[in-house]
Amino acid sequence: MELLETHDPEKKKLIESSLRHKYEMEREVKEISDRSEKMLKNALIIGGALALTYVVVNQLSSTKIKKKKPKKTKSAEVELEDEEDESPSILSQMGDKFVNTATLFLLDLAKEKLSDYLQTKKTKDANS
């Protein structure tokens, strides 16, 4: 510190100026890292919501392919036709409605997060 402590006012002024710049740079780096962390969290929330929606929709609405057995008798043909003619059950309809509702909810949540992010980015750009 002996080198920094001088009686020359010009050197003191320069040292103070460099310290002020150093602290300002540290503050800006901290702000940038905080913003990056927030953006990453929002991206993870939005991505997770979309991934969860995709998985739920695929799991609940997937139709399993039935293997057709070789037709041996007339009674087997009648049974296959009966299976194909069945309308969707109430439980299936409720599941579809639930999937649609959950999808809409998650997409709405993702839309809100995205609009909040864009608003904060817009205001920060305007302030800059």
Protein backbone atom coordinates (compact mmCIF):
# COMPACT_ATOMS: atom_id res chain seq x y z
CA MET A 1 0.00 0.00 0.00
CA GLU A 2 3.00 2.27 0.34
CA LEU A 3 3.14 2.59 -3.41
CA LEU A 4 -0.53 3.56 -3.56
CA GLU A 5 -0.22 6.13 -0.81
CA THR A 6 1.41 9.03 -2.50
CA HIS A 7 1.29 12.71 -1.97
CA ASP A 8 0.80 13.33 -5.64
CA PRO A 9 -2.87 14.40 -6.12
CA GLU A 10 -2.84 13.24 -9.74
CA LYS A 11 -1.92 9.68 -8.73
CA LYS A 12 -4.54 9.65 -5.95
CA LYS A 13 -7.17 10.78 -8.40
CA LEU A 14 -6.20 8.06 -10.88
CA ILE A 15 -6.16 5.37 -8.18
CA GLU A 16 -9.60 6.41 -6.94
CA SER A 17 -10.88 6.47 -10.49
CA SER A 18 -9.56 2.96 -11.17
CA LEU A 19 -11.12 1.65 -7.95
CA ARG A 20 -14.44 3.24 -8.87
CA HIS A 21 -14.30 1.61 -12.32
CA LYS A 22 -13.42 -1.72 -10.75
CA TYR A 23 -16.43 -1.62 -8.42
CA GLU A 24 -18.68 -0.51 -11.26
CA MET A 25 -17.52 -3.42 -13.43
CA GLU A 26 -18.08 -5.88 -10.58
CA ARG A 27 -21.60 -4.51 -10.10
CA GLU A 28 -22.38 -4.83 -13.81
CA VAL A 29 -21.05 -8.40 -13.92
CA LYS A 30 -23.25 -9.27 -10.94
CA GLU A 31 -26.30 -7.74 -12.65
CA ILE A 32 -25.59 -9.66 -15.84
CA SER A 33 -25.21 -12.93 -13.96
CA ASP A 34 -28.45 -12.29 -12.04
CA ARG A 35 -30.33 -11.58 -15.26
CA SER A 36 -28.85 -14.65 -16.92
CA GLU A 37 -29.87 -16.79 -13.96
CA LYS A 38 -33.42 -15.44 -14.09
CA MET A 39 -33.65 -16.01 -17.85
CA LEU A 40 -32.35 -19.55 -17.44
CA LYS A 41 -34.92 -20.30 -14.72
CA ASN A 42 -37.72 -18.95 -16.91
CA ALA A 43 -36.50 -20.97 -19.88
CA LEU A 44 -36.37 -24.11 -17.74
CA ILE A 45 -39.89 -23.50 -16.43
CA ILE A 46 -41.25 -22.94 -19.93
CA GLY A 47 -39.35 -25.90 -21.36
CA GLY A 48 -40.44 -28.12 -18.49
CA ALA A 49 -44.07 -27.11 -18.94
CA LEU A 50 -43.92 -27.87 -22.65
CA ALA A 51 -42.12 -31.18 -22.09
CA LEU A 52 -44.60 -32.21 -19.41
CA THR A 53 -47.49 -31.31 -21.68
CA TYR A 54 -45.96 -33.34 -24.49
CA VAL A 55 -45.43 -36.39 -22.28
CA VAL A 56 -48.92 -36.21 -20.76
CA VAL A 57 -50.59 -35.84 -24.14
CA ASN A 58 -48.60 -38.71 -25.61
CA GLN A 59 -49.27 -41.01 -22.66
CA LEU A 60 -52.99 -40.34 -22.43
CA SER A 61 -53.89 -40.10 -26.08
CA SER A 62 -51.71 -42.85 -27.47
CA THR A 63 -53.63 -45.62 -29.15
CA LYS A 64 -52.21 -49.05 -28.95
CA ILE A 65 -52.12 -50.95 -32.20
CA LYS A 66 -53.99 -54.19 -31.89
CA LYS A 67 -52.51 -57.13 -33.66
CA LYS A 68 -54.97 -58.78 -35.91
CA LYS A 69 -55.26 -62.47 -35.34
CA PRO A 70 -55.80 -64.78 -38.25
CA LYS A 71 -59.50 -65.29 -38.81
CA LYS A 72 -60.48 -68.88 -38.27
CA THR A 73 -64.21 -68.88 -37.67
CA LYS A 74 -67.26 -66.72 -38.15
CA SER A 75 -67.56 -66.10 -34.39
CA ALA A 76 -64.04 -64.62 -34.28
CA GLU A 77 -64.98 -62.22 -37.09
CA VAL A 78 -68.05 -61.06 -35.19
CA GLU A 79 -65.97 -60.46 -32.03
CA LEU A 80 -63.43 -58.36 -33.95
CA GLU A 81 -66.21 -56.26 -35.47
CA ASP A 82 -67.74 -55.72 -32.02
CA GLU A 83 -64.40 -54.48 -30.67
CA GLU A 84 -64.02 -52.01 -33.53
CA ASP A 85 -67.59 -50.68 -33.24
CA GLU A 86 -67.30 -49.72 -29.57
CA SER A 87 -67.53 -45.99 -28.95
CA PRO A 88 -65.05 -44.30 -26.60
CA SER A 89 -65.89 -44.90 -22.96
CA ILE A 90 -66.80 -42.12 -20.54
CA LEU A 91 -63.48 -42.61 -18.76
CA SER A 92 -61.65 -42.13 -22.06
CA GLN A 93 -63.62 -38.97 -22.79
CA MET A 94 -62.88 -37.62 -19.30
CA GLY A 95 -59.19 -38.40 -19.81
CA ASP A 96 -59.16 -36.53 -23.10
CA LYS A 97 -60.90 -33.55 -21.50
CA PHE A 98 -58.38 -33.59 -18.64
CA VAL A 99 -55.46 -33.71 -21.08
CA ASN A 100 -56.87 -30.81 -23.06
CA THR A 101 -57.44 -28.76 -19.91
CA ALA A 102 -53.95 -29.51 -18.55
CA THR A 103 -52.43 -28.64 -21.91
CA LEU A 104 -54.25 -25.32 -22.03
CA PHE A 105 -53.23 -24.54 -18.45
CA LEU A 106 -49.56 -25.32 -19.04
CA LEU A 107 -49.48 -23.42 -22.32
CA ASP A 108 -51.11 -20.43 -20.62
CA LEU A 109 -48.50 -20.59 -17.85
CA ALA A 110 -45.71 -20.75 -20.42
CA LYS A 111 -47.26 -17.81 -22.32
CA GLU A 112 -47.40 -15.71 -19.14
CA LYS A 113 -43.78 -16.48 -18.27
CA LEU A 114 -42.67 -15.64 -21.80
CA SER A 115 -44.60 -12.37 -21.85
CA ASP A 116 -43.17 -11.40 -18.42
CA TYR A 117 -39.68 -12.09 -19.71
CA LEU A 118 -40.26 -10.04 -22.85
CA GLN A 119 -41.73 -7.15 -20.81
CA THR A 120 -38.73 -7.06 -18.44
CA LYS A 121 -36.34 -7.24 -21.36
CA LYS A 122 -38.19 -4.43 -23.12
CA THR A 123 -38.14 -2.19 -20.06
CA LYS A 124 -34.46 -2.90 -19.42
CA ASP A 125 -33.63 -2.09 -23.03
CA ALA A 126 -35.62 1.13 -22.78
CA ASN A 127 -33.79 2.10 -19.57
CA SER A 128 -30.38 1.44 -21.10
